[in-house]
PDB file of all heavy atoms in Angstrom:
ATOM      1  N   ALA A   1     -17.183   2.333  -6.865  1.00  0.00           N
ATOM      2  CA  ALA A   1     -18.194   3.322  -7.235  1.00  0.00           C
ATOM      3  C   ALA A   1     -18.880   2.902  -8.532  1.00  0.00           C
ATOM      4  O   ALA A   1     -18.334   2.117  -9.307  1.00  0.00           O
ATOM      5  CB  ALA A   1     -17.582   4.713  -7.391  1.00  0.00           C
ATOM      6  N   GLU A   2     -20.095   3.414  -8.720  1.00  0.00           N
ATOM      7  CA  GLU A   2     -20.795   3.178  -9.977  1.00  0.00           C
ATOM      8  C   GLU A   2     -21.272   4.500 -10.529  1.00  0.00           C
ATOM      9  O   GLU A   2     -21.498   5.472  -9.785  1.00  0.00           O
ATOM     10  CB  GLU A   2     -21.968   2.220  -9.749  1.00  0.00           C
ATOM     11  CG  GLU A   2     -23.061   2.755  -8.848  1.00  0.00           C
ATOM     12  CD  GLU A   2     -24.217   1.794  -8.683  1.00  0.00           C
ATOM     13  OE1 GLU A   2     -24.057   0.604  -9.025  1.00  0.00           O
ATOM     14  OE2 GLU A   2     -25.308   2.218  -8.214  1.00  0.00           O
ATOM     15  N   ALA A   3     -21.453   4.556 -11.855  1.00  0.00           N
ATOM     16  CA  ALA A   3     -21.865   5.802 -12.506  1.00  0.00           C
ATOM     17  C   ALA A   3     -22.695   5.452 -13.708  1.00  0.00           C
ATOM     18  O   ALA A   3     -22.739   4.299 -14.172  1.00  0.00           O
ATOM     19  CB  ALA A   3     -20.636   6.633 -12.900  1.00  0.00           C
ATOM     20  N   ALA A   4     -23.338   6.482 -14.260  1.00  0.00           N
ATOM     21  CA  ALA A   4     -24.227   6.272 -15.401  1.00  0.00           C
ATOM     22  C   ALA A   4     -23.447   6.133 -16.703  1.00  0.00           C
ATOM     23  O   ALA A   4     -23.994   5.677 -17.706  1.00  0.00           O
ATOM     24  CB  ALA A   4     -25.228   7.429 -15.511  1.00  0.00           C
ATOM     25  N   SER A   5     -22.168   6.513 -16.681  1.00  0.00           N
ATOM     26  CA  SER A   5     -21.367   6.420 -17.922  1.00  0.00           C
ATOM     27  C   SER A   5     -19.916   6.167 -17.560  1.00  0.00           C
ATOM     28  O   SER A   5     -19.499   6.400 -16.410  1.00  0.00           O
ATOM     29  CB  SER A   5     -21.482   7.716 -18.702  1.00  0.00           C
ATOM     30  OG  SER A   5     -20.810   8.780 -18.054  1.00  0.00           O
ATOM     31  N   PRO A   6     -19.101   5.739 -18.520  1.00  0.00           N
ATOM     32  CA  PRO A   6     -17.675   5.511 -18.257  1.00  0.00           C
ATOM     33  C   PRO A   6     -16.940   6.770 -17.839  1.00  0.00           C
ATOM     34  O   PRO A   6     -15.836   6.692 -17.280  1.00  0.00           O
ATOM     35  CB  PRO A   6     -17.137   4.991 -19.588  1.00  0.00           C
ATOM     36  CG  PRO A   6     -18.343   4.407 -20.289  1.00  0.00           C
ATOM     37  CD  PRO A   6     -19.482   5.279 -19.879  1.00  0.00           C
ATOM     38  N   GLN A   7     -17.502   7.951 -18.077  1.00  0.00           N
ATOM     39  CA  GLN A   7     -16.852   9.201 -17.692  1.00  0.00           C
ATOM     40  C   GLN A   7     -17.135   9.581 -16.258  1.00  0.00           C
ATOM     41  O   GLN A   7     -16.612  10.565 -15.743  1.00  0.00           O
ATOM     42  CB  GLN A   7     -17.301  10.344 -18.615  1.00  0.00           C
ATOM     43  CG  GLN A   7     -16.762  10.252 -20.032  1.00  0.00           C
ATOM     44  CD  GLN A   7     -17.437   9.157 -20.834  1.00  0.00           C
ATOM     45  OE1 GLN A   7     -18.640   8.942 -20.720  1.00  0.00           O
ATOM     46  NE2 GLN A   7     -16.647   8.458 -21.660  1.00  0.00           N
ATOM     47  N   GLY A   8     -17.963   8.788 -15.572  1.00  0.00           N
ATOM     48  CA  GLY A   8     -18.229   9.058 -14.164  1.00  0.00           C
ATOM     49  C   GLY A   8     -19.432   9.932 -13.896  1.00  0.00           C
ATOM     50  O   GLY A   8     -19.573  10.464 -12.794  1.00  0.00           O
ATOM     51  N   ALA A   9     -20.339  10.094 -14.873  1.00  0.00           N
ATOM     52  CA  ALA A   9     -21.507  10.958 -14.692  1.00  0.00           C
ATOM     53  C   ALA A   9     -22.437  10.352 -13.652  1.00  0.00           C
ATOM     54  O   ALA A   9     -22.681   9.131 -13.638  1.00  0.00           O
ATOM     55  CB  ALA A   9     -22.252  11.106 -16.017  1.00  0.00           C
ATOM     56  N   ASP A  10     -22.978  11.208 -12.779  1.00  0.00           N
ATOM     57  CA  ASP A  10     -23.895  10.785 -11.724  1.00  0.00           C
ATOM     58  C   ASP A  10     -23.305   9.645 -10.881  1.00  0.00           C
ATOM     59  O   ASP A  10     -23.981   8.652 -10.593  1.00  0.00           O
ATOM     60  CB  ASP A  10     -25.236  10.342 -12.329  1.00  0.00           C
ATOM     61  CG  ASP A  10     -25.917  11.470 -13.099  1.00  0.00           C
ATOM     62  OD1 ASP A  10     -25.812  12.629 -12.669  1.00  0.00           O
ATOM     63  OD2 ASP A  10     -26.522  11.180 -14.157  1.00  0.00           O
ATOM     64  N   ALA A  11     -22.036   9.777 -10.569  1.00  0.00           N
ATOM     65  CA  ALA A  11     -21.336   8.703  -9.851  1.00  0.00           C
ATOM     66  C   ALA A  11     -21.837   8.591  -8.411  1.00  0.00           C
ATOM     67  O   ALA A  11     -22.260   9.581  -7.798  1.00  0.00           O
ATOM     68  CB  ALA A  11     -19.847   8.950  -9.865  1.00  0.00           C
ATOM     69  N   ARG A  12     -21.746   7.383  -7.903  1.00  0.00           N
ATOM     70  CA  ARG A  12     -22.157   7.086  -6.519  1.00  0.00           C
ATOM     71  C   ARG A  12     -21.165   6.112  -5.935  1.00  0.00           C
ATOM     72  O   ARG A  12     -20.920   5.029  -6.479  1.00  0.00           O
ATOM     73  CB  ARG A  12     -23.558   6.484  -6.519  1.00  0.00           C
ATOM     74  CG  ARG A  12     -24.030   6.012  -5.166  1.00  0.00           C
ATOM     75  CD  ARG A  12     -25.308   5.192  -5.330  1.00  0.00           C
ATOM     76  NE  ARG A  12     -25.753   4.613  -4.073  1.00  0.00           N
ATOM     77  CZ  ARG A  12     -26.501   3.514  -3.961  1.00  0.00           C
ATOM     78  NH1 ARG A  12     -26.846   2.868  -5.066  1.00  0.00           N
ATOM     79  NH2 ARG A  12     -26.850   3.061  -2.778  1.00  0.00           N
ATOM     80  N   VAL A  13     -20.545   6.506  -4.813  1.00  0.00           N
ATOM     81  CA  VAL A  13     -19.603   5.608  -4.137  1.00  0.00           C
ATOM     82  C   VAL A  13     -20.379   4.620  -3.282  1.00  0.00           C
ATOM     83  O   VAL A  13     -21.256   4.999  -2.485  1.00  0.00           O
ATOM     84  CB  VAL A  13     -18.622   6.409  -3.255  1.00  0.00           C
ATOM     85  CG1 VAL A  13     -17.699   5.461  -2.483  1.00  0.00           C
ATOM     86  CG2 VAL A  13     -17.804   7.369  -4.093  1.00  0.00           C
ATOM     87  N   LEU A  14     -20.090   3.332  -3.466  1.00  0.00           N
ATOM     88  CA  LEU A  14     -20.811   2.276  -2.770  1.00  0.00           C
ATOM     89  C   LEU A  14     -20.095   1.792  -1.509  1.00  0.00           C
ATOM     90  O   LEU A  14     -20.741   1.308  -0.582  1.00  0.00           O
ATOM     91  CB  LEU A  14     -21.010   1.067  -3.714  1.00  0.00           C
ATOM     92  CG  LEU A  14     -21.800   1.355  -4.997  1.00  0.00           C
ATOM     93  CD1 LEU A  14     -21.853   0.115  -5.867  1.00  0.00           C
ATOM     94  CD2 LEU A  14     -23.223   1.832  -4.651  1.00  0.00           C
ATOM     95  N   GLY A  15     -18.766   1.876  -1.493  1.00  0.00           N
ATOM     96  CA  GLY A  15     -18.073   1.432  -0.304  1.00  0.00           C
ATOM     97  C   GLY A  15     -16.590   1.181  -0.544  1.00  0.00           C
ATOM     98  O   GLY A  15     -16.039   1.568  -1.586  1.00  0.00           O
ATOM     99  N   VAL A  16     -15.979   0.501   0.404  1.00  0.00           N
ATOM    100  CA  VAL A  16     -14.523   0.275   0.391  1.00  0.00           C
ATOM    101  C   VAL A  16     -14.253  -1.198   0.645  1.00  0.00           C
ATOM    102  O   VAL A  16     -14.894  -1.832   1.491  1.00  0.00           O
ATOM    103  CB  VAL A  16     -13.820   1.136   1.468  1.00  0.00           C
ATOM    104  CG1 VAL A  16     -12.311   0.960   1.385  1.00  0.00           C
ATOM    105  CG2 VAL A  16     -14.206   2.602   1.336  1.00  0.00           C
ATOM    106  N   ILE A  17     -13.275  -1.731  -0.104  1.00  0.00           N
ATOM    107  CA  ILE A  17     -12.806  -3.092   0.076  1.00  0.00           C
ATOM    108  C   ILE A  17     -11.501  -3.021   0.883  1.00  0.00           C
ATOM    109  O   ILE A  17     -10.595  -2.269   0.536  1.00  0.00           O
ATOM    110  CB  ILE A  17     -12.555  -3.793  -1.260  1.00  0.00           C
ATOM    111  CG1 ILE A  17     -13.795  -3.774  -2.137  1.00  0.00           C
ATOM    112  CG2 ILE A  17     -12.052  -5.232  -1.042  1.00  0.00           C
ATOM    113  CD1 ILE A  17     -13.516  -4.215  -3.578  1.00  0.00           C
ATOM    114  N   ARG A  18     -11.404  -3.817   1.931  1.00  0.00           N
ATOM    115  CA  ARG A  18     -10.189  -3.862   2.713  1.00  0.00           C
ATOM    116  C   ARG A  18      -9.323  -5.012   2.213  1.00  0.00           C
ATOM    117  O   ARG A  18      -9.762  -6.172   2.215  1.00  0.00           O
ATOM    118  CB  ARG A  18     -10.482  -4.080   4.203  1.00  0.00           C
ATOM    119  CG  ARG A  18      -9.223  -4.045   5.103  1.00  0.00           C
ATOM    120  CD  ARG A  18      -9.504  -4.636   6.482  1.00  0.00           C
ATOM    121  NE  ARG A  18     -10.513  -3.887   7.195  1.00  0.00           N
ATOM    122  CZ  ARG A  18     -10.257  -2.840   8.019  1.00  0.00           C
ATOM    123  NH1 ARG A  18      -9.002  -2.469   8.222  1.00  0.00           N
ATOM    124  NH2 ARG A  18     -11.236  -2.224   8.641  1.00  0.00           N
ATOM    125  N   LEU A  19      -8.096  -4.674   1.767  1.00  0.00           N
ATOM    126  CA  LEU A  19      -7.106  -5.681   1.419  1.00  0.00           C
ATOM    127  C   LEU A  19      -6.073  -5.719   2.532  1.00  0.00           C
ATOM    128  O   LEU A  19      -5.555  -4.666   2.955  1.00  0.00           O
ATOM    129  CB  LEU A  19      -6.421  -5.356   0.092  1.00  0.00           C
ATOM    130  CG  LEU A  19      -7.294  -5.314  -1.164  1.00  0.00           C
ATOM    131  CD1 LEU A  19      -6.438  -4.941  -2.377  1.00  0.00           C
ATOM    132  CD2 LEU A  19      -7.994  -6.622  -1.410  1.00  0.00           C
ATOM    133  N   SER A  20      -5.748  -6.897   2.994  1.00  0.00           N
ATOM    134  CA  SER A  20      -4.796  -7.032   4.099  1.00  0.00           C
ATOM    135  C   SER A  20      -3.495  -7.628   3.585  1.00  0.00           C
ATOM    136  O   SER A  20      -3.488  -8.589   2.820  1.00  0.00           O
ATOM    137  CB  SER A  20      -5.354  -7.925   5.209  1.00  0.00           C
ATOM    138  OG  SER A  20      -6.528  -7.366   5.745  1.00  0.00           O
ATOM    139  N   ASP A  21      -2.398  -7.038   4.014  1.00  0.00           N
ATOM    140  CA  ASP A  21      -1.064  -7.525   3.659  1.00  0.00           C
ATOM    141  C   ASP A  21      -0.260  -7.703   4.936  1.00  0.00           C
ATOM    142  O   ASP A  21      -0.609  -7.136   5.988  1.00  0.00           O
ATOM    143  CB  ASP A  21      -0.357  -6.532   2.731  1.00  0.00           C
ATOM    144  CG  ASP A  21       0.714  -7.197   1.884  1.00  0.00           C
ATOM    145  OD1 ASP A  21       1.033  -8.367   2.142  1.00  0.00           O
ATOM    146  OD2 ASP A  21       1.230  -6.540   0.969  1.00  0.00           O
ATOM    147  N   VAL A  22       0.811  -8.472   4.888  1.00  0.00           N
ATOM    148  CA  VAL A  22       1.587  -8.799   6.078  1.00  0.00           C
ATOM    149  C   VAL A  22       3.067  -8.553   5.823  1.00  0.00           C
ATOM    150  O   VAL A  22       3.598  -9.020   4.811  1.00  0.00           O
ATOM    151  CB  VAL A  22       1.372 -10.268   6.497  1.00  0.00           C
ATOM    152  CG1 VAL A  22       2.199 -10.598   7.735  1.00  0.00           C
ATOM    153  CG2 VAL A  22      -0.107 -10.556   6.746  1.00  0.00           C
ATOM    154  N   VAL A  23       3.722  -7.796   6.712  1.00  0.00           N
ATOM    155  CA  VAL A  23       5.164  -7.573   6.621  1.00  0.00           C
ATOM    156  C   VAL A  23       5.880  -8.856   7.001  1.00  0.00           C
ATOM    157  O   VAL A  23       5.539  -9.522   7.977  1.00  0.00           O
ATOM    158  CB  VAL A  23       5.587  -6.412   7.548  1.00  0.00           C
ATOM    159  CG1 VAL A  23       7.103  -6.273   7.579  1.00  0.00           C
ATOM    160  CG2 VAL A  23       4.949  -5.112   7.116  1.00  0.00           C
ATOM    161  N   LYS A  24       6.900  -9.195   6.243  1.00  0.00           N
ATOM    162  CA  LYS A  24       7.650 -10.422   6.526  1.00  0.00           C
ATOM    163  C   LYS A  24       8.391 -10.327   7.852  1.00  0.00           C
ATOM    164  O   LYS A  24       8.927  -9.263   8.186  1.00  0.00           O
ATOM    165  CB  LYS A  24       8.650 -10.700   5.408  1.00  0.00           C
ATOM    166  CG  LYS A  24       7.999 -11.031   4.071  1.00  0.00           C
ATOM    167  CD  LYS A  24       9.046 -11.269   3.001  1.00  0.00           C
ATOM    168  CE  LYS A  24       8.391 -11.639   1.671  1.00  0.00           C
ATOM    169  NZ  LYS A  24       9.389 -11.869   0.601  1.00  0.00           N
ATOM    170  N   PRO A  25       8.433 -11.384   8.602  1.00  0.00           N
ATOM    171  CA  PRO A  25       9.152 -11.367   9.877  1.00  0.00           C
ATOM    172  C   PRO A  25      10.638 -11.066   9.682  1.00  0.00           C
ATOM    173  O   PRO A  25      11.240 -11.476   8.704  1.00  0.00           O
ATOM    174  CB  PRO A  25       8.961 -12.804  10.430  1.00  0.00           C
ATOM    175  CG  PRO A  25       7.759 -13.332   9.730  1.00  0.00           C
ATOM    176  CD  PRO A  25       7.765 -12.682   8.374  1.00  0.00           C
ATOM    177  N   GLY A  26      11.207 -10.340  10.627  1.00  0.00           N
ATOM    178  CA  GLY A  26      12.647 -10.058  10.602  1.00  0.00           C
ATOM    179  C   GLY A  26      13.067  -8.911   9.715  1.00  0.00           C
ATOM    180  O   GLY A  26      14.256  -8.627   9.605  1.00  0.00           O
ATOM    181  N   MET A  27      12.094  -8.243   9.069  1.00  0.00           N
ATOM    182  CA  MET A  27      12.469  -7.172   8.148  1.00  0.00           C
ATOM    183  C   MET A  27      13.139  -6.004   8.873  1.00  0.00           C
ATOM    184  O   MET A  27      14.100  -5.422   8.375  1.00  0.00           O
ATOM    185  CB  MET A  27      11.241  -6.681   7.368  1.00  0.00           C
ATOM    186  CG  MET A  27      10.661  -7.705   6.427  1.00  0.00           C
ATOM    187  SD  MET A  27      11.836  -8.267   5.171  1.00  0.00           S
ATOM    188  CE  MET A  27      12.182  -6.745   4.316  1.00  0.00           C
ATOM    189  N   ARG A  28      12.616  -5.638  10.042  1.00  0.00           N
ATOM    190  CA  ARG A  28      13.190  -4.502  10.768  1.00  0.00           C
ATOM    191  C   ARG A  28      14.656  -4.768  11.102  1.00  0.00           C
ATOM    192  O   ARG A  28      15.500  -3.868  10.973  1.00  0.00           O
ATOM    193  CB  ARG A  28      12.378  -4.244  12.044  1.00  0.00           C
ATOM    194  CG  ARG A  28      12.938  -3.122  12.915  1.00  0.00           C
ATOM    195  CD  ARG A  28      11.995  -2.823  14.059  1.00  0.00           C
ATOM    196  NE  ARG A  28      10.772  -2.177  13.603  1.00  0.00           N
ATOM    197  CZ  ARG A  28      10.673  -0.870  13.423  1.00  0.00           C
ATOM    198  NH1 ARG A  28      11.705  -0.065  13.625  1.00  0.00           N
ATOM    199  NH2 ARG A  28       9.525  -0.350  13.004  1.00  0.00           N
ATOM    200  N   GLU A  29      14.976  -5.991  11.520  1.00  0.00           N
ATOM    201  CA  GLU A  29      16.362  -6.340  11.833  1.00  0.00           C
ATOM    202  C   GLU A  29      17.234  -6.279  10.599  1.00  0.00           C
ATOM    203  O   GLU A  29      18.401  -5.832  10.648  1.00  0.00           O
ATOM    204  CB  GLU A  29      16.420  -7.721  12.479  1.00  0.00           C
ATOM    205  CG  GLU A  29      15.804  -7.818  13.868  1.00  0.00           C
ATOM    206  CD  GLU A  29      14.284  -7.812  13.852  1.00  0.00           C
ATOM    207  OE1 GLU A  29      13.692  -8.054  12.766  1.00  0.00           O
ATOM    208  OE2 GLU A  29      13.672  -7.561  14.903  1.00  0.00           O
ATOM    209  N   ARG A  30      16.704  -6.753   9.475  1.00  0.00           N
ATOM    210  CA  ARG A  30      17.485  -6.733   8.240  1.00  0.00           C
ATOM    211  C   ARG A  30      17.810  -5.295   7.813  1.00  0.00           C
ATOM    212  O   ARG A  30      18.927  -4.981   7.412  1.00  0.00           O
ATOM    213  CB  ARG A  30      16.692  -7.416   7.111  1.00  0.00           C
ATOM    214  CG  ARG A  30      16.357  -8.877   7.379  1.00  0.00           C
ATOM    215  CD  ARG A  30      17.563  -9.780   7.194  1.00  0.00           C
ATOM    216  NE  ARG A  30      17.221 -11.165   7.436  1.00  0.00           N
ATOM    217  CZ  ARG A  30      16.779 -12.001   6.495  1.00  0.00           C
ATOM    218  NH1 ARG A  30      16.616 -11.567   5.262  1.00  0.00           N
ATOM    219  NH2 ARG A  30      16.503 -13.246   6.786  1.00  0.00           N
ATOM    220  N   PHE A  31      16.833  -4.417   7.921  1.00  0.00           N
ATOM    221  CA  PHE A  31      17.068  -3.028   7.530  1.00  0.00           C
ATOM    222  C   PHE A  31      18.009  -2.319   8.495  1.00  0.00           C
ATOM    223  O   PHE A  31      18.735  -1.420   8.105  1.00  0.00           O
ATOM    224  CB  PHE A  31      15.742  -2.270   7.419  1.00  0.00           C
ATOM    225  CG  PHE A  31      14.890  -2.740   6.259  1.00  0.00           C
ATOM    226  CD1 PHE A  31      13.540  -2.963   6.419  1.00  0.00           C
ATOM    227  CD2 PHE A  31      15.448  -2.955   5.024  1.00  0.00           C
ATOM    228  CE1 PHE A  31      12.759  -3.387   5.374  1.00  0.00           C
ATOM    229  CE2 PHE A  31      14.686  -3.392   3.948  1.00  0.00           C
ATOM    230  CZ  PHE A  31      13.343  -3.615   4.115  1.00  0.00           C
ATOM    231  N   ALA A  32      17.999  -2.737   9.751  1.00  0.00           N
ATOM    232  CA  ALA A  32      18.965  -2.187  10.703  1.00  0.00           C
ATOM    233  C   ALA A  32      20.377  -2.565  10.290  1.00  0.00           C
ATOM    234  O   ALA A  32      21.313  -1.768  10.428  1.00  0.00           O
ATOM    235  CB  ALA A  32      18.649  -2.690  12.120  1.00  0.00           C
ATOM    236  N   GLU A  33      20.550  -3.793   9.781  1.00  0.00           N
ATOM    237  CA  GLU A  33      21.868  -4.229   9.293  1.00  0.00           C
ATOM    238  C   GLU A  33      22.321  -3.360   8.116  1.00  0.00           C
ATOM    239  O   GLU A  33      23.473  -2.943   8.045  1.00  0.00           O
ATOM    240  CB  GLU A  33      21.817  -5.686   8.868  1.00  0.00           C
ATOM    241  CG  GLU A  33      21.665  -6.676  10.016  1.00  0.00           C
ATOM    242  CD  GLU A  33      21.616  -8.105   9.503  1.00  0.00           C
ATOM    243  OE1 GLU A  33      22.391  -8.420   8.572  1.00  0.00           O
ATOM    244  OE2 GLU A  33      20.802  -8.897   9.980  1.00  0.00           O
ATOM    245  N   LEU A  34      21.392  -3.109   7.196  1.00  0.00           N
ATOM    246  CA  LEU A  34      21.726  -2.271   6.036  1.00  0.00           C
ATOM    247  C   LEU A  34      22.114  -0.862   6.497  1.00  0.00           C
ATOM    248  O   LEU A  34      23.037  -0.238   5.954  1.00  0.00           O
ATOM    249  CB  LEU A  34      20.538  -2.211   5.068  1.00  0.00           C
ATOM    250  CG  LEU A  34      20.264  -3.480   4.276  1.00  0.00           C
ATOM    251  CD1 LEU A  34      18.926  -3.373   3.560  1.00  0.00           C
ATOM    252  CD2 LEU A  34      21.366  -3.741   3.273  1.00  0.00           C
ATOM    253  N   ARG A  35      21.390  -0.335   7.466  1.00  0.00           N
ATOM    254  CA  ARG A  35      21.693   0.992   7.972  1.00  0.00           C
ATOM    255  C   ARG A  35      23.093   1.039   8.581  1.00  0.00           C
ATOM    256  O   ARG A  35      23.829   2.031   8.396  1.00  0.00           O
ATOM    257  CB  ARG A  35      20.635   1.385   9.016  1.00  0.00           C
ATOM    258  CG  ARG A  35      20.569   2.890   9.301  1.00  0.00           C
ATOM    259  CD  ARG A  35      19.364   3.201  10.164  1.00  0.00           C
ATOM    260  NE  ARG A  35      18.117   2.881   9.512  1.00  0.00           N
ATOM    261  CZ  ARG A  35      17.317   1.890   9.873  1.00  0.00           C
ATOM    262  NH1 ARG A  35      17.606   1.118  10.891  1.00  0.00           N
ATOM    263  NH2 ARG A  35      16.196   1.667   9.201  1.00  0.00           N
ATOM    264  N   ALA A  36      23.475  -0.041   9.280  1.00  0.00           N
ATOM    265  CA  ALA A  36      24.799  -0.108   9.854  1.00  0.00           C
ATOM    266  C   ALA A  36      25.883  -0.169   8.776  1.00  0.00           C
ATOM    267  O   ALA A  36      27.037   0.213   9.019  1.00  0.00           O
ATOM    268  CB  ALA A  36      24.904  -1.346  10.762  1.00  0.00           C
ATOM    269  N   MET A  37      25.517  -0.645   7.593  1.00  0.00           N
ATOM    270  CA  MET A  37      26.468  -0.709   6.470  1.00  0.00           C
ATOM    271  C   MET A  37      26.499   0.593   5.685  1.00  0.00           C
ATOM    272  O   MET A  37      27.162   0.690   4.653  1.00  0.00           O
ATOM    273  CB  MET A  37      26.079  -1.868   5.552  1.00  0.00           C
ATOM    274  CG  MET A  37      26.225  -3.238   6.226  1.00  0.00           C
ATOM    275  SD  MET A  37      25.238  -4.543   5.458  1.00  0.00           S
ATOM    276  CE  MET A  37      25.922  -4.622   3.838  1.00  0.00           C
ATOM    277  N   GLY A  38      25.724   1.606   6.158  1.00  0.00           N
ATOM    278  CA  GLY A  38      25.725   2.895   5.481  1.00  0.00           C
ATOM    279  C   GLY A  38      24.816   2.959   4.268  1.00  0.00           C
ATOM    280  O   GLY A  38      25.005   3.823   3.395  1.00  0.00           O
ATOM    281  N   ILE A  39      23.834   2.080   4.218  1.00  0.00           N
ATOM    282  CA  ILE A  39      22.942   2.023   3.055  1.00  0.00           C
ATOM    283  C   ILE A  39      21.556   2.548   3.464  1.00  0.00           C
ATOM    284  O   ILE A  39      20.977   2.115   4.452  1.00  0.00           O
ATOM    285  CB  ILE A  39      22.807   0.576   2.535  1.00  0.00           C
ATOM    286  CG1 ILE A  39      24.180   0.086   2.055  1.00  0.00           C
ATOM    287  CG2 ILE A  39      21.792   0.494   1.389  1.00  0.00           C
ATOM    288  CD1 ILE A  39      24.191  -1.387   1.711  1.00  0.00           C
ATOM    289  N   ARG A  40      21.050   3.479   2.672  1.00  0.00           N
ATOM    290  CA  ARG A  40      19.718   4.054   2.908  1.00  0.00           C
ATOM    291  C   ARG A  40      18.684   3.208   2.194  1.00  0.00           C
ATOM    292  O   ARG A  40      18.836   2.880   1.020  1.00  0.00           O
ATOM    293  CB  ARG A  40      19.663   5.480   2.417  1.00  0.00           C
ATOM    294  CG  ARG A  40      18.379   6.231   2.810  1.00  0.00           C
ATOM    295  CD  ARG A  40      18.512   7.704   2.478  1.00  0.00           C
ATOM    296  NE  ARG A  40      18.367   7.932   1.056  1.00  0.00           N
ATOM    297  CZ  ARG A  40      17.236   8.309   0.469  1.00  0.00           C
ATOM    298  NH1 ARG A  40      16.151   8.482   1.193  1.00  0.00           N
ATOM    299  NH2 ARG A  40      17.202   8.530  -0.829  1.00  0.00           N
ATOM    300  N   THR A  41      17.607   2.846   2.897  1.00  0.00           N
ATOM    301  CA  THR A  41      16.567   2.020   2.307  1.00  0.00           C
ATOM    302  C   THR A  41      15.326   2.844   2.015  1.00  0.00           C
ATOM    303  O   THR A  41      14.906   3.658   2.853  1.00  0.00           O
ATOM    304  CB  THR A  41      16.195   0.845   3.237  1.00  0.00           C
ATOM    305  OG1 THR A  41      15.848   1.373   4.526  1.00  0.00           O
ATOM    306  CG2 THR A  41      17.349  -0.116   3.384  1.00  0.00           C
ATOM    307  N   VAL A  42      14.757   2.639   0.833  1.00  0.00           N
ATOM    308  CA  VAL A  42      13.552   3.364   0.424  1.00  0.00           C
ATOM    309  C   VAL A  42      12.529   2.337  -0.083  1.00  0.00           C
ATOM    310  O   VAL A  42      12.819   1.574  -0.995  1.00  0.00           O
ATOM    311  CB  VAL A  42      13.858   4.375  -0.705  1.00  0.00           C
ATOM    312  CG1 VAL A  42      12.577   5.128  -1.101  1.00  0.00           C
ATOM    313  CG2 VAL A  42      14.938   5.351  -0.270  1.00  0.00           C
ATOM    314  N   MET A  43      11.353   2.335   0.513  1.00  0.00           N
ATOM    315  CA  MET A  43      10.277   1.454   0.067  1.00  0.00           C
ATOM    316  C   MET A  43       9.449   2.190  -0.987  1.00  0.00           C
ATOM    317  O   MET A  43       9.038   3.329  -0.783  1.00  0.00           O
ATOM    318  CB  MET A  43       9.371   1.079   1.235  1.00  0.00           C
ATOM    319  CG  MET A  43       8.247   0.122   0.875  1.00  0.00           C
ATOM    320  SD  MET A  43       7.085  -0.148   2.249  1.00  0.00           S
ATOM    321  CE  MET A  43       6.115   1.376   2.154  1.00  0.00           C
TER     322      MET A  43
END
């Protein structure tokens, strides 16, 4: 977004940037192992 001042006066949203990330392979299986060990996982 852009505005007339640092406080956001007369602000105008211009758009959105898409950032893409990738989950590492095998993570679901690893967390299933932790669950079997009685460990709760929190992201």
